[in-house]
PDB file of N, CA and C in Angstrom:
ATOM      1  N   MET A   1      32.118  21.234  36.697  1.00  0.00           N
ATOM      2  CA  MET A   1      31.229  21.919  36.007  1.00  0.00           C
ATOM      3  C   MET A   1      30.513  22.675  35.535  1.00  0.00           C
ATOM      4  N   LEU A   2      29.622  22.014  36.495  1.00  0.00           N
ATOM      5  CA  LEU A   2      28.030  22.242  36.715  1.00  0.00           C
ATOM      6  C   LEU A   2      28.282  23.944  37.389  1.00  0.00           C
ATOM      7  N   GLU A   3      29.324  23.859  38.693  1.00  0.00           N
ATOM      8  CA  GLU A   3      29.234  24.645  39.710  1.00  0.00           C
ATOM      9  C   GLU A   3      29.722  26.166  39.181  1.00  0.00           C
ATOM     10  N   LYS A   4      30.432  25.666  38.195  1.00  0.00           N
ATOM     11  CA  LYS A   4      30.896  26.507  37.441  1.00  0.00           C
ATOM     12  C   LYS A   4      30.050  27.949  36.513  1.00  0.00           C
ATOM     13  N   PHE A   5      29.345  26.766  35.865  1.00  0.00           N
ATOM     14  CA  PHE A   5      28.053  27.343  35.210  1.00  0.00           C
ATOM     15  C   PHE A   5      27.095  28.233  35.663  1.00  0.00           C
ATOM     16  N   ARG A   6      26.999  27.970  37.198  1.00  0.00           N
ATOM     17  CA  ARG A   6      25.972  28.033  38.210  1.00  0.00           C
ATOM     18  C   ARG A   6      26.542  29.610  38.300  1.00  0.00           C
ATOM     19  N   LYS A   7      27.826  29.709  38.591  1.00  0.00           N
ATOM     20  CA  LYS A   7      28.544  30.850  39.507  1.00  0.00           C
ATOM     21  C   LYS A   7      28.542  31.683  38.433  1.00  0.00           C
ATOM     22  N   LYS A   8      28.748  31.190  37.172  1.00  0.00           N
ATOM     23  CA  LYS A   8      28.848  32.551  36.360  1.00  0.00           C
ATOM     24  C   LYS A   8      27.059  32.756  36.001  1.00  0.00           C
ATOM     25  N   ILE A   9      26.042  31.921  35.796  1.00  0.00           N
ATOM     26  CA  ILE A   9      24.809  32.584  36.301  1.00  0.00           C
ATOM     27  C   ILE A   9      24.652  33.465  37.318  1.00  0.00           C
ATOM     28  N   ASP A  10      25.240  33.034  38.425  1.00  0.00           N
ATOM     29  CA  ASP A  10      24.580  33.960  39.652  1.00  0.00           C
ATOM     30  C   ASP A  10      25.308  35.056  39.174  1.00  0.00           C
ATOM     31  N   ALA A  11      26.018  35.333  39.061  1.00  0.00           N
ATOM     32  CA  ALA A  11      27.488  36.788  38.993  1.00  0.00           C
ATOM     33  C   ALA A  11      26.200  37.384  37.618  1.00  0.00           C
ATOM     34  N   ILE A  12      26.031  36.867  36.586  1.00  0.00           N
ATOM     35  CA  ILE A  12      25.404  37.698  35.370  1.00  0.00           C
ATOM     36  C   ILE A  12      23.426  38.107  35.832  1.00  0.00           C
ATOM     37  N   ASP A  13      23.230  37.312  36.794  1.00  0.00           N
ATOM     38  CA  ASP A  13      22.197  37.703  37.668  1.00  0.00           C
ATOM     39  C   ASP A  13      21.888  38.810  38.255  1.00  0.00           C
ATOM     40  N   ARG A  14      23.171  39.139  38.604  1.00  0.00           N
ATOM     41  CA  ARG A  14      23.280  39.434  40.227  1.00  0.00           C
ATOM     42  C   ARG A  14      23.554  41.504  38.868  1.00  0.00           C
ATOM     43  N   LYS A  15      23.961  41.493  37.677  1.00  0.00           N
ATOM     44  CA  LYS A  15      24.415  42.317  36.673  1.00  0.00           C
ATOM     45  C   LYS A  15      22.656  42.762  35.990  1.00  0.00           C
ATOM     46  N   ILE A  16      21.882  42.098  36.071  1.00  0.00           N
ATOM     47  CA  ILE A  16      20.779  41.809  35.491  1.00  0.00           C
ATOM     48  C   ILE A  16      19.671  43.038  36.786  1.00  0.00           C
ATOM     49  N   ILE A  17      20.204  42.800  37.711  1.00  0.00           N
ATOM     50  CA  ILE A  17      19.071  43.063  38.917  1.00  0.00           C
ATOM     51  C   ILE A  17      19.596  44.130  39.273  1.00  0.00           C
ATOM     52  N   PHE A  18      21.155  44.583  39.194  1.00  0.00           N
ATOM     53  CA  PHE A  18      21.632  45.709  39.187  1.00  0.00           C
ATOM     54  C   PHE A  18      21.327  46.783  37.846  1.00  0.00           C
ATOM     55  N   LEU A  19      20.864  46.106  36.751  1.00  0.00           N
ATOM     56  CA  LEU A  19      20.909  47.302  35.883  1.00  0.00           C
ATOM     57  C   LEU A  19      18.904  47.130  35.932  1.00  0.00           C
ATOM     58  N   LEU A  20      18.494  46.479  36.452  1.00  0.00           N
ATOM     59  CA  LEU A  20      17.018  46.981  36.443  1.00  0.00           C
ATOM     60  C   LEU A  20      16.675  47.841  37.564  1.00  0.00           C
ATOM     61  N   GLU A  21      17.688  48.081  38.968  1.00  0.00           N
ATOM     62  CA  GLU A  21      17.212  48.828  39.712  1.00  0.00           C
ATOM     63  C   GLU A  21      17.584  50.122  39.101  1.00  0.00           C
ATOM     64  N   GLU A  22      18.348  50.245  38.392  1.00  0.00           N
ATOM     65  CA  GLU A  22      19.225  51.512  37.625  1.00  0.00           C
ATOM     66  C   GLU A  22      17.925  52.116  36.759  1.00  0.00           C
ATOM     67  N   ARG A  23      17.250  51.179  35.861  1.00  0.00           N
ATOM     68  CA  ARG A  23      16.316  51.670  34.678  1.00  0.00           C
ATOM     69  C   ARG A  23      14.893  52.042  35.767  1.00  0.00           C
ATOM     70  N   ILE A  24      15.134  51.401  36.946  1.00  0.00           N
ATOM     71  CA  ILE A  24      13.894  52.008  37.901  1.00  0.00           C
ATOM     72  C   ILE A  24      13.976  53.390  38.241  1.00  0.00           C
ATOM     73  N   LYS A  25      14.676  53.400  38.681  1.00  0.00           N
ATOM     74  CA  LYS A  25      15.133  54.775  39.295  1.00  0.00           C
ATOM     75  C   LYS A  25      15.134  56.077  38.312  1.00  0.00           C
ATOM     76  N   ILE A  26      15.946  55.660  36.962  1.00  0.00           N
ATOM     77  CA  ILE A  26      15.752  56.803  35.981  1.00  0.00           C
ATOM     78  C   ILE A  26      14.409  56.891  35.296  1.00  0.00           C
ATOM     79  N   SER A  27      12.970  55.491  35.471  1.00  0.00           N
ATOM     80  CA  SER A  27      11.715  55.720  35.429  1.00  0.00           C
ATOM     81  C   SER A  27      11.105  56.407  36.039  1.00  0.00           C
ATOM     82  N   ILE A  28      11.288  56.351  37.626  1.00  0.00           N
ATOM     83  CA  ILE A  28      10.970  57.056  38.431  1.00  0.00           C
ATOM     84  C   ILE A  28      11.361  58.864  38.109  1.00  0.00           C
ATOM     85  N   ASN A  29      12.463  59.105  37.538  1.00  0.00           N
ATOM     86  CA  ASN A  29      12.375  60.437  37.301  1.00  0.00           C
ATOM     87  C   ASN A  29      11.890  61.137  36.192  1.00  0.00           C
ATOM     88  N   ILE A  30      11.654  60.170  35.169  1.00  0.00           N
ATOM     89  CA  ILE A  30      11.309  59.983  34.106  1.00  0.00           C
ATOM     90  C   ILE A  30       9.623  60.193  34.252  1.00  0.00           C
ATOM     91  N   GLY A  31       8.897  59.886  35.192  1.00  0.00           N
ATOM     92  CA  GLY A  31       7.522  59.864  35.773  1.00  0.00           C
ATOM     93  C   GLY A  31       7.474  61.336  36.089  1.00  0.00           C
ATOM     94  N   LYS A  32       8.173  61.682  37.383  1.00  0.00           N
ATOM     95  CA  LYS A  32       8.085  62.776  37.825  1.00  0.00           C
ATOM     96  C   LYS A  32       8.351  64.066  36.485  1.00  0.00           C
ATOM     97  N   PHE A  33       9.271  63.637  35.567  1.00  0.00           N
ATOM     98  CA  PHE A  33       9.436  64.765  34.471  1.00  0.00           C
ATOM     99  C   PHE A  33       7.895  65.105  33.921  1.00  0.00           C
ATOM    100  N   LYS A  34       7.162  63.913  33.749  1.00  0.00           N
ATOM    101  CA  LYS A  34       5.907  63.852  33.126  1.00  0.00           C
ATOM    102  C   LYS A  34       4.989  64.002  33.458  1.00  0.00           C
ATOM    103  N   LYS A  35       4.820  64.357  35.347  1.00  0.00           N
ATOM    104  CA  LYS A  35       4.155  65.091  36.212  1.00  0.00           C
ATOM    105  C   LYS A  35       3.994  66.290  35.735  1.00  0.00           C
ATOM    106  N   GLN A  36       5.303  67.099  36.071  1.00  0.00           N
ATOM    107  CA  GLN A  36       5.285  68.288  35.930  1.00  0.00           C
ATOM    108  C   GLN A  36       5.115  68.626  34.764  1.00  0.00           C
ATOM    109  N   ASN A  37       5.232  68.704  33.447  1.00  0.00           N
ATOM    110  CA  ASN A  37       5.442  68.791  32.287  1.00  0.00           C
ATOM    111  C   ASN A  37       3.569  68.504  31.613  1.00  0.00           C
ATOM    112  N   SER A  38       3.182  67.831  32.514  1.00  0.00           N
ATOM    113  CA  SER A  38       1.540  66.878  32.307  1.00  0.00           C
ATOM    114  C   SER A  38       1.742  66.420  30.670  1.00  0.00           C
ATOM    115  N   LEU A  39       2.331  65.485  30.876  1.00  0.00           N
ATOM    116  CA  LEU A  39       2.854  64.448  29.797  1.00  0.00           C
ATOM    117  C   LEU A  39       2.188  63.071  29.899  1.00  0.00           C
ATOM    118  N   SER A  40       1.215  62.429  29.149  1.00  0.00           N
ATOM    119  CA  SER A  40       1.036  61.210  29.209  1.00  0.00           C
ATOM    120  C   SER A  40       2.413  60.039  29.724  1.00  0.00           C
ATOM    121  N   ILE A  41       1.710  59.095  30.777  1.00  0.00           N
ATOM    122  CA  ILE A  41       2.512  58.389  31.543  1.00  0.00           C
ATOM    123  C   ILE A  41       2.995  57.069  30.520  1.00  0.00           C
ATOM    124  N   ARG A  42       1.953  56.879  29.297  1.00  0.00           N
ATOM    125  CA  ARG A  42       2.362  55.799  28.707  1.00  0.00           C
ATOM    126  C   ARG A  42       2.935  56.183  26.981  1.00  0.00           C
ATOM    127  N   ASP A  43       3.739  55.983  26.442  1.00  0.00           N
ATOM    128  CA  ASP A  43       4.040  56.536  24.952  1.00  0.00           C
ATOM    129  C   ASP A  43       5.104  55.287  24.172  1.00  0.00           C
ATOM    130  N   VAL A  44       3.675  55.083  23.427  1.00  0.00           N
ATOM    131  CA  VAL A  44       2.926  53.589  22.760  1.00  0.00           C
ATOM    132  C   VAL A  44       4.599  53.769  21.765  1.00  0.00           C
ATOM    133  N   ASN A  45       4.864  55.315  21.236  1.00  0.00           N
ATOM    134  CA  ASN A  45       5.814  55.051  20.130  1.00  0.00           C
ATOM    135  C   ASN A  45       7.396  54.935  20.621  1.00  0.00           C
ATOM    136  N   ARG A  46       7.364  55.107  21.588  1.00  0.00           N
ATOM    137  CA  ARG A  46       8.562  54.836  21.976  1.00  0.00           C
ATOM    138  C   ARG A  46       8.659  53.334  23.057  1.00  0.00           C
ATOM    139  N   GLU A  47       7.687  52.577  23.099  1.00  0.00           N
ATOM    140  CA  GLU A  47       7.209  50.993  23.664  1.00  0.00           C
ATOM    141  C   GLU A  47       7.850  50.435  22.221  1.00  0.00           C
ATOM    142  N   LYS A  48       7.561  51.251  20.962  1.00  0.00           N
ATOM    143  CA  LYS A  48       7.561  50.134  19.601  1.00  0.00           C
ATOM    144  C   LYS A  48       8.732  50.507  19.301  1.00  0.00           C
ATOM    145  N   GLU A  49       9.617  51.568  19.325  1.00  0.00           N
ATOM    146  CA  GLU A  49      11.058  52.086  19.252  1.00  0.00           C
ATOM    147  C   GLU A  49      11.599  51.230  20.057  1.00  0.00           C
ATOM    148  N   ILE A  50      11.522  50.587  21.322  1.00  0.00           N
ATOM    149  CA  ILE A  50      12.814  49.628  21.884  1.00  0.00           C
ATOM    150  C   ILE A  50      12.776  48.443  21.797  1.00  0.00           C
ATOM    151  N   PHE A  51      11.325  48.401  21.585  1.00  0.00           N
ATOM    152  CA  PHE A  51      10.937  46.550  20.864  1.00  0.00           C
ATOM    153  C   PHE A  51      11.953  46.523  19.718  1.00  0.00           C
ATOM    154  N   SER A  52      11.642  47.736  18.519  1.00  0.00           N
ATOM    155  CA  SER A  52      11.984  47.846  17.374  1.00  0.00           C
ATOM    156  C   SER A  52      14.262  47.144  17.786  1.00  0.00           C
ATOM    157  N   GLN A  53      14.302  47.809  18.062  1.00  0.00           N
ATOM    158  CA  GLN A  53      15.650  48.440  18.811  1.00  0.00           C
ATOM    159  C   GLN A  53      16.623  47.267  19.166  1.00  0.00           C
ATOM    160  N   ILE A  54      15.766  46.482  20.204  1.00  0.00           N
ATOM    161  CA  ILE A  54      16.122  45.545  20.763  1.00  0.00           C
ATOM    162  C   ILE A  54      16.106  44.120  19.964  1.00  0.00           C
ATOM    163  N   THR A  55      15.218  43.875  19.234  1.00  0.00           N
ATOM    164  CA  THR A  55      14.281  43.006  18.538  1.00  0.00           C
ATOM    165  C   THR A  55      15.798  42.773  17.288  1.00  0.00           C
ATOM    166  N   ARG A  56      16.593  43.907  16.732  1.00  0.00           N
ATOM    167  CA  ARG A  56      17.482  44.102  15.804  1.00  0.00           C
ATOM    168  C   ARG A  56      18.593  43.855  16.043  1.00  0.00           C
ATOM    169  N   LYS A  57      18.772  44.134  17.654  1.00  0.00           N
ATOM    170  CA  LYS A  57      20.537  43.429  17.969  1.00  0.00           C
ATOM    171  C   LYS A  57      20.687  42.461  18.920  1.00  0.00           C
ATOM    172  N   THR A  58      19.319  41.724  18.668  1.00  0.00           N
ATOM    173  CA  THR A  58      19.687  40.585  19.615  1.00  0.00           C
ATOM    174  C   THR A  58      19.254  39.143  18.685  1.00  0.00           C
ATOM    175  N   SER A  59      19.747  37.957  19.090  1.00  0.00           N
ATOM    176  CA  SER A  59      19.121  37.078  18.320  1.00  0.00           C
ATOM    177  C   SER A  59      18.204  36.071  19.169  1.00  0.00           C
ATOM    178  N   LEU A  60      17.979  36.242  20.014  1.00  0.00           N
ATOM    179  CA  LEU A  60      16.731  36.227  21.132  1.00  0.00           C
ATOM    180  C   LEU A  60      15.358  36.243  20.470  1.00  0.00           C
ATOM    181  N   ASP A  61      14.273  34.936  21.054  1.00  0.00           N
ATOM    182  CA  ASP A  61      13.133  35.013  20.284  1.00  0.00           C
ATOM    183  C   ASP A  61      12.714  36.334  20.267  1.00  0.00           C
ATOM    184  N   PRO A  62      11.954  37.030  19.584  1.00  0.00           N
ATOM    185  CA  PRO A  62      11.350  38.170  19.653  1.00  0.00           C
ATOM    186  C   PRO A  62       9.827  38.199  20.455  1.00  0.00           C
ATOM    187  N   ASN A  63       9.549  37.099  20.207  1.00  0.00           N
ATOM    188  CA  ASN A  63       8.356  36.746  20.993  1.00  0.00           C
ATOM    189  C   ASN A  63       8.449  37.146  22.943  1.00  0.00           C
ATOM    190  N   PHE A  64       9.783  36.728  23.093  1.00  0.00           N
ATOM    191  CA  PHE A  64      10.486  36.725  24.420  1.00  0.00           C
ATOM    192  C   PHE A  64      11.004  38.183  24.813  1.00  0.00           C
ATOM    193  N   ILE A  65      11.437  38.968  23.975  1.00  0.00           N
ATOM    194  CA  ILE A  65      11.710  39.911  23.956  1.00  0.00           C
ATOM    195  C   ILE A  65      10.462  40.890  24.616  1.00  0.00           C
ATOM    196  N   LYS A  66       9.825  40.950  23.335  1.00  0.00           N
ATOM    197  CA  LYS A  66       8.334  41.421  23.728  1.00  0.00           C
ATOM    198  C   LYS A  66       7.349  41.151  25.478  1.00  0.00           C
ATOM    199  N   GLN A  67       7.427  39.966  25.593  1.00  0.00           N
ATOM    200  CA  GLN A  67       7.155  39.781  26.889  1.00  0.00           C
ATOM    201  C   GLN A  67       7.903  40.225  27.806  1.00  0.00           C
ATOM    202  N   PHE A  68       9.046  40.198  27.809  1.00  0.00           N
ATOM    203  CA  PHE A  68       9.818  40.903  29.013  1.00  0.00           C
ATOM    204  C   PHE A  68       9.650  41.954  29.224  1.00  0.00           C
ATOM    205  N   TYR A  69       9.839  42.982  27.738  1.00  0.00           N
ATOM    206  CA  TYR A  69       9.672  44.222  28.190  1.00  0.00           C
ATOM    207  C   TYR A  69       8.806  44.795  28.457  1.00  0.00           C
ATOM    208  N   ASN A  70       7.612  43.993  27.887  1.00  0.00           N
ATOM    209  CA  ASN A  70       5.926  44.225  28.339  1.00  0.00           C
ATOM    210  C   ASN A  70       6.026  44.500  30.116  1.00  0.00           C
ATOM    211  N   LEU A  71       6.531  43.403  30.320  1.00  0.00           N
ATOM    212  CA  LEU A  71       6.535  43.515  32.038  1.00  0.00           C
ATOM    213  C   LEU A  71       7.240  44.424  32.734  1.00  0.00           C
ATOM    214  N   ILE A  72       8.373  44.784  32.274  1.00  0.00           N
ATOM    215  CA  ILE A  72       9.102  45.984  32.615  1.00  0.00           C
ATOM    216  C   ILE A  72       8.201  47.523  32.192  1.00  0.00           C
ATOM    217  N   PHE A  73       7.590  47.489  30.758  1.00  0.00           N
ATOM    218  CA  PHE A  73       6.975  48.851  30.766  1.00  0.00           C
ATOM    219  C   PHE A  73       5.697  48.879  31.838  1.00  0.00           C
ATOM    220  N   ARG A  74       5.204  47.649  31.798  1.00  0.00           N
ATOM    221  CA  ARG A  74       3.935  47.855  32.729  1.00  0.00           C
ATOM    222  C   ARG A  74       4.615  48.282  34.200  1.00  0.00           C
ATOM    223  N   PHE A  75       5.536  47.674  34.517  1.00  0.00           N
ATOM    224  CA  PHE A  75       6.021  47.917  35.817  1.00  0.00           C
ATOM    225  C   PHE A  75       6.416  49.517  36.083  1.00  0.00           C
ATOM    226  N   SER A  76       7.212  49.982  35.202  1.00  0.00           N
ATOM    227  CA  SER A  76       7.867  51.922  34.415  1.00  0.00           C
ATOM    228  C   SER A  76       6.376  52.565  34.729  1.00  0.00           C
ATOM    229  N   ARG A  77       5.121  51.674  34.415  1.00  0.00           N
ATOM    230  CA  ARG A  77       4.386  52.851  33.937  1.00  0.00           C
ATOM    231  C   ARG A  77       3.197  52.978  35.724  1.00  0.00           C
ATOM    232  N   LYS A  78       3.468  51.417  36.532  1.00  0.00           N
ATOM    233  CA  LYS A  78       2.898  51.717  37.552  1.00  0.00           C
ATOM    234  C   LYS A  78       3.752  52.486  38.569  1.00  0.00           C
ATOM    235  N   ILE A  79       4.892  52.483  38.689  1.00  0.00           N
ATOM    236  CA  ILE A  79       5.716  53.647  39.458  1.00  0.00           C
ATOM    237  C   ILE A  79       5.670  54.513  38.635  1.00  0.00           C
ATOM    238  N   GLN A  80       5.160  54.920  38.010  1.00  0.00           N
ATOM    239  CA  GLN A  80       5.853  56.816  37.573  1.00  0.00           C
ATOM    240  C   GLN A  80       4.284  57.375  37.616  1.00  0.00           C
ATOM    241  N   LYS A  81       3.143  56.315  38.378  1.00  0.00           N
ATOM    242  CA  LYS A  81       1.707  57.434  38.174  1.00  0.00           C
ATOM    243  C   LYS A  81       2.038  58.068  39.586  1.00  0.00           C
TER     244      LYS A  81
END
């Protein structure tokens, strides 16, 4: 039984990584667009909007969501520079 659960977790982890890779590719393109159009890398309003949307759609702890997305946002800003 434990092995069955672990296989499910492994499959979910592969999906998470695939989706993060897709997000990073898009973020790189956004960074290029921002540079070409002299836009700021950080958009605090967009970050707040994402937090708000995600926390409304999940039962996960909002603090966990905030920490998780802050990590993603920091990495996105880093690769957009």
